[in-house]
Amino acid sequence: MSGKKVLVTGGTGFIGSHTVVELINAGYTPIIIDDLSNSTPQILNQIETITGVKPDFFQFDLCDSKATFEFISQNSDIDGIIHFAAFKSVGESVENPLSYYRNNLYSLVNLLESLSDRPMNFVFSSSCTVYGEPEKLPVTEEAPVKKAESPYGNTKQISEEILLDTTKAKGNLKVTALRYFNPVGAHASALIGELPTGVPQNLVPFITQAAIGKRGDIVVHGNDYNTPDGTCIRDYIHVVDLAKAHISALKKMEQHTDEDRFKVYNIGTGKGSSVLEVIHAFENATGVKAGYKMGPRRPGDVEQIFGEVGKAERELAWKAELNLSVMMSSAWAWENYIKENPM
């Protein structure tokens, strides 16, 4: 391929792999770093089947400063970085905070230090968890960043602070932090999707795994919240829409010289759905019954959050297009694919 080279860390993961596909579709040349701690190299073949291009792939841990510095020094033609590589489970981070601080922060610092003063457009995979329990909804980018509800959320807050401070110190670095809401679904080809190791920590893969017989009933974590049906509310976004937001962010930084070299955007649909609404949407979209039972609240969960996404629509010329029904049917198609084609 020709086209600008973009480093995608965590590029064989759920969001990373979909973003690699969209980068190729947009004419970029992605290069992937992944330690494969939460993904499989088979995804590279899947990307090639979808796009006709097999991206260059390097397997190492970005917490390894020597390997990171060597890689960056040997790849001086990289024009942009999309940084996904991080642990991402709220519940797991509560149980094992130090592993989250080490992994999520060391990797970012190593990557930034290795760049030295090289000009770079940097897209950071952030999260709506930076808002904590929001004071009002929908939450905007101007909402205060409150004390995080989990170590995972705190690593995203700290990472944003690191990036902001670094843009002030390094005149050649431009950063766009995309604060995701809840990515779900899978590529229309059903060749890539969410592939959690062990018991899923996120709702939709738990639904699909339960429905296909890998799990028992779905556990709904709390039904006594102050919401219409008592279950938590989240803004679910199709992973392909989310992937396309990264392309829009890169293009914005490439095309515009802006005094503000650190930008944040909410990336979601702007609409909240409860846990029970998502379960019923799955049943309606697939015709498959999804058994569930009520369980206790889970540490670190906020009651409800959904975003105001007008800033991304205006400034990035991006908008979420795929609805909850498409999210559920595509996730189900992927679950059926991996049943027939284990990875």
Protein backbone atom coordinates (compact mmCIF):
# COMPACT_ATOMS: atom_id res chain seq x y z
CA MET A 1 0.00 0.00 0.00
CA SER A 2 0.92 3.59 -0.39
CA GLY A 3 -0.42 6.25 1.91
CA LYS A 4 0.65 7.74 5.19
CA LYS A 5 1.93 5.26 7.74
CA VAL A 6 -0.04 5.07 10.97
CA LEU A 7 1.10 3.07 14.00
CA VAL A 8 -1.81 1.29 15.70
CA THR A 9 -0.94 0.01 19.17
CA GLY A 10 -3.23 -2.79 20.28
CA GLY A 11 -4.16 -3.14 16.62
CA THR A 12 -5.27 -6.79 16.78
CA GLY A 13 -7.75 -6.03 19.56
CA PHE A 14 -11.46 -5.34 19.23
CA ILE A 15 -11.46 -1.63 18.42
CA GLY A 16 -7.93 -1.71 17.02
CA SER A 17 -8.68 -4.31 14.34
CA HIS A 18 -11.76 -2.46 13.13
CA THR A 19 -9.77 0.77 13.01
CA VAL A 20 -7.00 -0.92 11.00
CA VAL A 21 -9.65 -1.96 8.44
CA GLU A 22 -10.98 1.61 8.22
CA LEU A 23 -7.45 3.02 7.91
CA ILE A 24 -6.81 0.73 4.93
CA ASN A 25 -10.17 1.68 3.42
CA ALA A 26 -9.18 5.36 3.77
CA GLY A 27 -5.83 4.84 2.00
CA TYR A 28 -3.49 4.74 5.01
CA THR A 29 -0.78 2.14 5.66
CA PRO A 30 -1.28 0.81 9.20
CA ILE A 31 1.50 -0.81 11.21
CA ILE A 32 0.44 -2.82 14.26
CA ILE A 33 2.12 -3.33 17.62
CA ASP A 34 0.37 -5.77 19.95
CA ASP A 35 1.60 -8.07 22.70
CA LEU A 36 -1.35 -10.43 22.00
CA SER A 37 -2.30 -10.48 25.69
CA ASN A 38 -5.96 -9.99 24.76
CA SER A 39 -6.07 -10.93 21.07
CA THR A 40 -4.85 -13.46 18.53
CA PRO A 41 -2.57 -13.20 15.47
CA GLN A 42 -5.37 -14.85 13.44
CA ILE A 43 -6.95 -11.38 13.31
CA LEU A 44 -4.22 -10.31 10.85
CA ASN A 45 -5.48 -12.92 8.36
CA GLN A 46 -9.05 -11.75 8.93
CA ILE A 47 -8.04 -8.15 8.18
CA GLU A 48 -6.34 -9.35 4.99
CA THR A 49 -9.48 -11.23 3.93
CA ILE A 50 -11.61 -8.12 4.45
CA THR A 51 -9.27 -5.57 2.85
CA GLY A 52 -6.82 -7.49 0.66
CA VAL A 53 -3.98 -6.05 2.76
CA LYS A 54 -2.08 -7.78 5.57
CA PRO A 55 -0.63 -5.05 7.79
CA ASP A 56 2.93 -5.17 9.09
CA PHE A 57 2.81 -6.60 12.62
CA PHE A 58 5.26 -6.43 15.53
CA GLN A 59 4.69 -8.38 18.73
CA PHE A 60 6.02 -6.79 21.91
CA ASP A 61 4.91 -5.05 25.07
CA LEU A 62 5.07 -1.25 25.01
CA CYS A 63 6.00 -1.39 28.70
CA ASP A 64 9.34 -2.67 27.40
CA SER A 65 11.07 0.68 26.95
CA LYS A 66 14.03 -0.74 25.02
CA ALA A 67 11.82 -2.45 22.44
CA THR A 68 9.62 0.64 22.13
CA PHE A 69 12.54 3.02 21.60
CA GLU A 70 14.13 0.68 19.05
CA PHE A 71 10.91 0.33 17.09
CA ILE A 72 10.24 4.08 16.93
CA SER A 73 13.85 4.86 15.97
CA GLN A 74 13.69 2.29 13.16
CA ASN A 75 10.38 3.63 11.81
CA SER A 76 11.04 7.30 11.18
CA ASP A 77 8.35 7.51 8.45
CA ILE A 78 5.35 7.08 10.78
CA ASP A 79 2.99 10.04 10.36
CA GLY A 80 0.46 9.23 13.05
CA ILE A 81 -0.19 7.04 16.07
CA ILE A 82 -3.48 5.60 17.30
CA HIS A 83 -2.88 4.32 20.82
CA PHE A 84 -5.28 1.61 21.97
CA ALA A 85 -2.94 -0.71 23.87
CA ALA A 86 -4.26 -0.85 27.45
CA PHE A 87 -6.06 -3.07 29.92
CA LYS A 88 -9.74 -2.14 29.91
CA SER A 89 -11.89 -3.93 32.49
CA VAL A 90 -13.45 -1.76 35.21
CA GLY A 91 -14.05 -4.70 37.56
CA GLU A 92 -10.62 -6.23 37.03
CA SER A 93 -8.96 -2.87 37.69
CA VAL A 94 -10.70 -2.65 41.07
CA GLU A 95 -9.34 -6.10 41.96
CA ASN A 96 -5.83 -5.54 40.58
CA PRO A 97 -5.11 -1.79 40.40
CA LEU A 98 -1.31 -1.95 40.21
CA SER A 99 -1.31 -4.00 37.01
CA TYR A 100 -3.57 -1.35 35.44
CA TYR A 101 -1.39 1.56 36.53
CA ARG A 102 1.76 -0.19 35.35
CA ASN A 103 0.44 -1.34 32.00
CA ASN A 104 -1.68 1.62 30.95
CA LEU A 105 0.68 4.39 32.08
CA TYR A 106 4.13 2.91 31.42
CA SER A 107 3.19 2.06 27.85
CA LEU A 108 2.02 5.60 27.14
CA VAL A 109 5.05 7.25 28.73
CA ASN A 110 7.44 4.95 26.84
CA LEU A 111 5.73 5.74 23.56
CA LEU A 112 5.81 9.50 24.13
CA GLU A 113 9.43 9.50 25.32
CA SER A 114 10.51 7.48 22.28
CA LEU A 115 9.08 10.13 19.95
CA SER A 116 11.45 12.77 21.33
CA ASP A 117 10.70 15.94 19.30
CA ARG A 118 9.41 14.17 16.21
CA PRO A 119 6.27 15.78 14.73
CA MET A 120 3.32 13.50 15.36
CA ASN A 121 -0.47 13.33 15.17
CA PHE A 122 -1.56 11.19 18.11
CA VAL A 123 -5.06 9.79 18.64
CA PHE A 124 -5.62 8.51 22.17
CA SER A 125 -8.17 5.88 23.10
CA SER A 126 -9.83 7.51 26.09
CA SER A 127 -13.11 6.80 27.79
CA CYS A 128 -16.27 8.36 29.16
CA THR A 129 -15.16 6.91 32.51
CA VAL A 130 -13.14 10.12 32.93
CA TYR A 131 -16.41 11.86 33.83
CA GLY A 132 -17.10 9.56 36.79
CA GLU A 133 -20.73 9.80 37.90
CA PRO A 134 -21.86 12.83 35.83
CA GLU A 135 -23.78 15.67 37.45
CA LYS A 136 -26.07 16.10 34.44
CA LEU A 137 -26.85 14.27 31.21
CA PRO A 138 -26.02 14.18 28.41
CA VAL A 139 -22.43 14.76 29.48
CA THR A 140 -20.42 17.28 27.42
CA GLU A 141 -16.68 17.65 26.94
CA GLU A 142 -16.83 20.66 29.26
CA ALA A 143 -18.14 18.55 32.14
CA PRO A 144 -15.71 18.35 35.06
CA VAL A 145 -13.39 15.36 35.15
CA LYS A 146 -14.36 13.98 38.55
CA LYS A 147 -12.69 11.44 40.77
CA ALA A 148 -12.66 8.19 38.83
CA GLU A 149 -14.93 5.37 39.95
CA SER A 150 -12.25 2.76 39.15
CA PRO A 151 -8.49 2.44 38.66
CA TYR A 152 -9.18 1.83 34.95
CA GLY A 153 -10.99 5.16 34.72
CA ASN A 154 -8.21 6.82 36.66
CA THR A 155 -5.60 5.56 34.18
CA LYS A 156 -7.56 7.27 31.41
CA GLN A 157 -7.71 10.52 33.41
CA ILE A 158 -3.99 10.41 34.17
CA SER A 159 -3.16 9.52 30.57
CA GLU A 160 -5.08 12.56 29.31
CA GLU A 161 -3.17 14.74 31.80
CA ILE A 162 0.14 13.26 30.61
CA LEU A 163 -0.79 13.97 27.00
CA LEU A 164 -1.95 17.52 27.72
CA ASP A 165 1.26 18.33 29.60
CA THR A 166 3.36 16.77 26.85
CA THR A 167 1.70 18.84 24.12
CA LYS A 168 2.58 21.95 26.13
CA ALA A 169 6.21 20.86 26.35
CA LYS A 170 6.59 19.44 22.81
CA GLY A 171 5.59 21.84 20.06
CA ASN A 172 5.44 19.13 17.39
CA LEU A 173 2.89 16.89 19.11
CA LYS A 174 -0.83 17.14 18.36
CA VAL A 175 -3.21 14.97 20.39
CA THR A 176 -6.87 14.11 19.97
CA ALA A 177 -8.36 12.16 22.88
CA LEU A 178 -11.53 10.31 21.92
CA ARG A 179 -13.70 9.64 24.93
CA TYR A 180 -15.57 6.51 23.92
CA PHE A 181 -18.83 5.42 25.31
CA ASN A 182 -19.60 1.66 24.98
CA PRO A 183 -18.32 0.05 21.76
CA VAL A 184 -20.23 -3.06 20.64
CA GLY A 185 -21.05 -5.01 17.49
CA ALA A 186 -18.77 -6.40 14.80
CA HIS A 187 -17.70 -5.83 11.21
CA ALA A 188 -20.40 -6.53 8.61
CA SER A 189 -18.26 -9.37 7.24
CA ALA A 190 -18.45 -11.14 10.65
CA LEU A 191 -14.71 -11.81 10.29
CA ILE A 192 -13.61 -9.58 13.19
CA GLY A 193 -15.34 -8.67 16.43
CA GLU A 194 -14.95 -8.66 20.19
CA LEU A 195 -12.96 -11.67 21.38
CA PRO A 196 -12.69 -11.52 25.17
CA THR A 197 -10.39 -13.91 26.99
CA GLY A 198 -12.09 -15.75 29.82
CA VAL A 199 -15.42 -14.52 31.17
CA PRO A 200 -16.51 -11.37 29.31
CA GLN A 201 -16.44 -8.19 31.37
CA ASN A 202 -18.69 -6.33 28.91
CA LEU A 203 -22.42 -6.83 28.44
CA VAL A 204 -22.80 -7.62 24.74
CA PRO A 205 -20.26 -10.47 24.44
CA PHE A 206 -21.77 -11.93 27.60
CA ILE A 207 -25.20 -11.80 25.93
CA THR A 208 -23.96 -13.48 22.75
CA GLN A 209 -21.95 -16.11 24.62
CA ALA A 210 -24.92 -16.91 26.86
CA ALA A 211 -27.26 -17.11 23.88
CA ILE A 212 -24.97 -19.50 21.98
CA GLY A 213 -24.52 -21.74 25.03
CA LYS A 214 -21.00 -20.84 26.18
CA ARG A 215 -22.30 -19.29 29.42
CA GLY A 216 -25.16 -19.64 31.81
CA ASP A 217 -27.70 -16.86 32.21
CA ILE A 218 -26.60 -13.27 31.77
CA VAL A 219 -26.03 -11.60 35.13
CA VAL A 220 -27.54 -8.11 35.31
CA HIS A 221 -25.37 -6.24 37.81
CA GLY A 222 -27.94 -4.34 39.85
CA ASN A 223 -31.62 -3.60 39.22
CA ASP A 224 -32.10 -1.01 41.96
CA TYR A 225 -30.54 2.00 40.23
CA ASN A 226 -32.51 5.23 39.82
CA THR A 227 -33.34 4.51 36.16
CA PRO A 228 -36.66 3.65 34.47
CA ASP A 229 -36.13 -0.12 34.72
CA GLY A 230 -33.60 -0.11 37.59
CA THR A 231 -30.62 -1.18 35.46
CA CYS A 232 -27.57 0.85 34.41
CA ILE A 233 -27.78 3.03 31.33
CA ARG A 234 -24.97 3.39 28.80
CA ASP A 235 -24.42 4.95 25.39
CA TYR A 236 -23.70 2.01 23.07
CA ILE A 237 -21.89 2.72 19.80
CA HIS A 238 -21.16 0.39 16.91
CA VAL A 239 -17.45 -0.38 16.73
CA VAL A 240 -17.29 0.46 13.02
CA ASP A 241 -18.68 3.94 13.70
CA LEU A 242 -16.11 4.30 16.46
CA ALA A 243 -13.30 3.13 14.17
CA LYS A 244 -14.27 5.74 11.59
CA ALA A 245 -14.05 8.46 14.25
CA HIS A 246 -10.30 7.76 14.54
CA ILE A 247 -9.85 8.36 10.81
CA SER A 248 -11.77 11.63 11.11
CA ALA A 249 -9.57 12.68 14.04
CA LEU A 250 -6.37 11.93 12.11
CA LYS A 251 -7.57 13.84 9.06
CA LYS A 252 -8.56 16.81 11.19
CA MET A 253 -5.05 17.02 12.66
CA GLU A 254 -3.44 16.60 9.24
CA GLN A 255 -5.51 19.32 7.62
CA HIS A 256 -5.64 21.99 10.28
CA THR A 257 -3.02 24.01 12.06
CA ASP A 258 -4.65 24.74 15.37
CA GLU A 259 -3.24 26.63 18.32
CA ASP A 260 -4.94 24.11 20.59
CA ARG A 261 -2.85 20.98 20.16
CA PHE A 262 -4.84 18.91 22.66
CA LYS A 263 -8.48 18.21 21.82
CA VAL A 264 -11.08 15.95 23.39
CA TYR A 265 -14.25 14.59 21.82
CA ASN A 266 -17.10 12.43 23.05
CA ILE A 267 -17.64 9.52 20.67
CA GLY A 268 -21.05 7.91 21.06
CA THR A 269 -24.58 8.06 19.73
CA GLY A 270 -25.90 10.58 22.25
CA LYS A 271 -28.58 8.11 23.39
CA GLY A 272 -28.59 5.92 26.47
CA SER A 273 -29.90 2.35 26.65
CA SER A 274 -30.39 0.29 29.80
CA VAL A 275 -29.00 -3.19 30.31
CA LEU A 276 -32.47 -4.70 29.95
CA GLU A 277 -33.13 -2.65 26.79
CA VAL A 278 -29.94 -4.03 25.26
CA ILE A 279 -30.92 -7.61 26.13
CA HIS A 280 -34.36 -7.10 24.57
CA ALA A 281 -32.80 -5.41 21.50
CA PHE A 282 -30.65 -8.51 21.04
CA GLU A 283 -33.71 -10.76 21.24
CA ASN A 284 -35.63 -8.59 18.78
CA ALA A 285 -32.75 -8.34 16.30
CA THR A 286 -31.86 -12.05 16.33
CA GLY A 287 -35.03 -13.90 17.35
CA VAL A 288 -32.95 -15.66 19.99
CA LYS A 289 -34.00 -15.74 23.63
CA ALA A 290 -31.38 -14.45 26.07
CA GLY A 291 -31.89 -15.73 29.61
CA TYR A 292 -30.86 -13.41 32.40
CA LYS A 293 -30.91 -13.13 36.17
CA MET A 294 -30.44 -10.27 38.57
CA GLY A 295 -27.23 -9.96 40.56
CA PRO A 296 -25.71 -7.43 42.95
CA ARG A 297 -24.24 -4.13 41.86
CA ARG A 298 -20.67 -4.28 40.56
CA PRO A 299 -17.94 -2.11 42.14
CA GLY A 300 -16.88 0.80 39.94
CA ASP A 301 -20.05 1.02 37.83
CA VAL A 302 -21.71 4.41 37.38
CA GLU A 303 -25.50 4.54 37.32
CA GLN A 304 -25.98 6.08 33.90
CA ILE A 305 -23.97 7.94 31.31
CA PHE A 306 -24.52 9.01 27.74
CA GLY A 307 -22.87 11.77 25.81
CA GLU A 308 -23.51 14.99 23.97
CA VAL A 309 -21.71 14.26 20.69
CA GLY A 310 -22.35 17.48 18.75
CA LYS A 311 -18.74 18.66 19.03
CA ALA A 312 -17.42 15.60 17.19
CA GLU A 313 -20.14 15.96 14.57
CA ARG A 314 -19.28 19.63 13.97
CA GLU A 315 -15.48 19.58 14.19
CA LEU A 316 -14.62 16.09 12.94
CA ALA A 317 -17.39 15.80 10.34
CA TRP A 318 -18.26 12.45 11.91
CA LYS A 319 -21.54 10.96 13.07
CA ALA A 320 -22.59 7.56 14.40
CA GLU A 321 -24.82 5.87 11.83
CA LEU A 322 -25.51 2.31 13.00
CA ASN A 323 -28.33 1.62 15.48
CA LEU A 324 -28.71 -0.79 18.39
CA SER A 325 -30.38 -3.42 16.22
CA VAL A 326 -27.38 -3.50 13.84
CA MET A 327 -25.04 -3.62 16.83
CA MET A 328 -26.81 -6.71 18.18
CA SER A 329 -27.26 -8.57 14.88
CA SER A 330 -23.61 -8.02 13.88
CA ALA A 331 -22.36 -9.17 17.31
CA TRP A 332 -24.49 -12.30 16.94
CA ALA A 333 -23.16 -12.99 13.43
CA TRP A 334 -19.61 -12.74 14.82
CA GLU A 335 -20.42 -15.07 17.74
CA ASN A 336 -21.74 -17.63 15.26
CA TYR A 337 -18.67 -17.22 13.06
CA ILE A 338 -16.23 -17.93 15.90
CA LYS A 339 -18.31 -20.94 16.97
CA GLU A 340 -17.63 -22.44 13.53
CA ASN A 341 -14.10 -20.99 13.26
CA PRO A 342 -12.51 -21.02 16.75
CA MET A 343 -9.60 -18.60 17.30
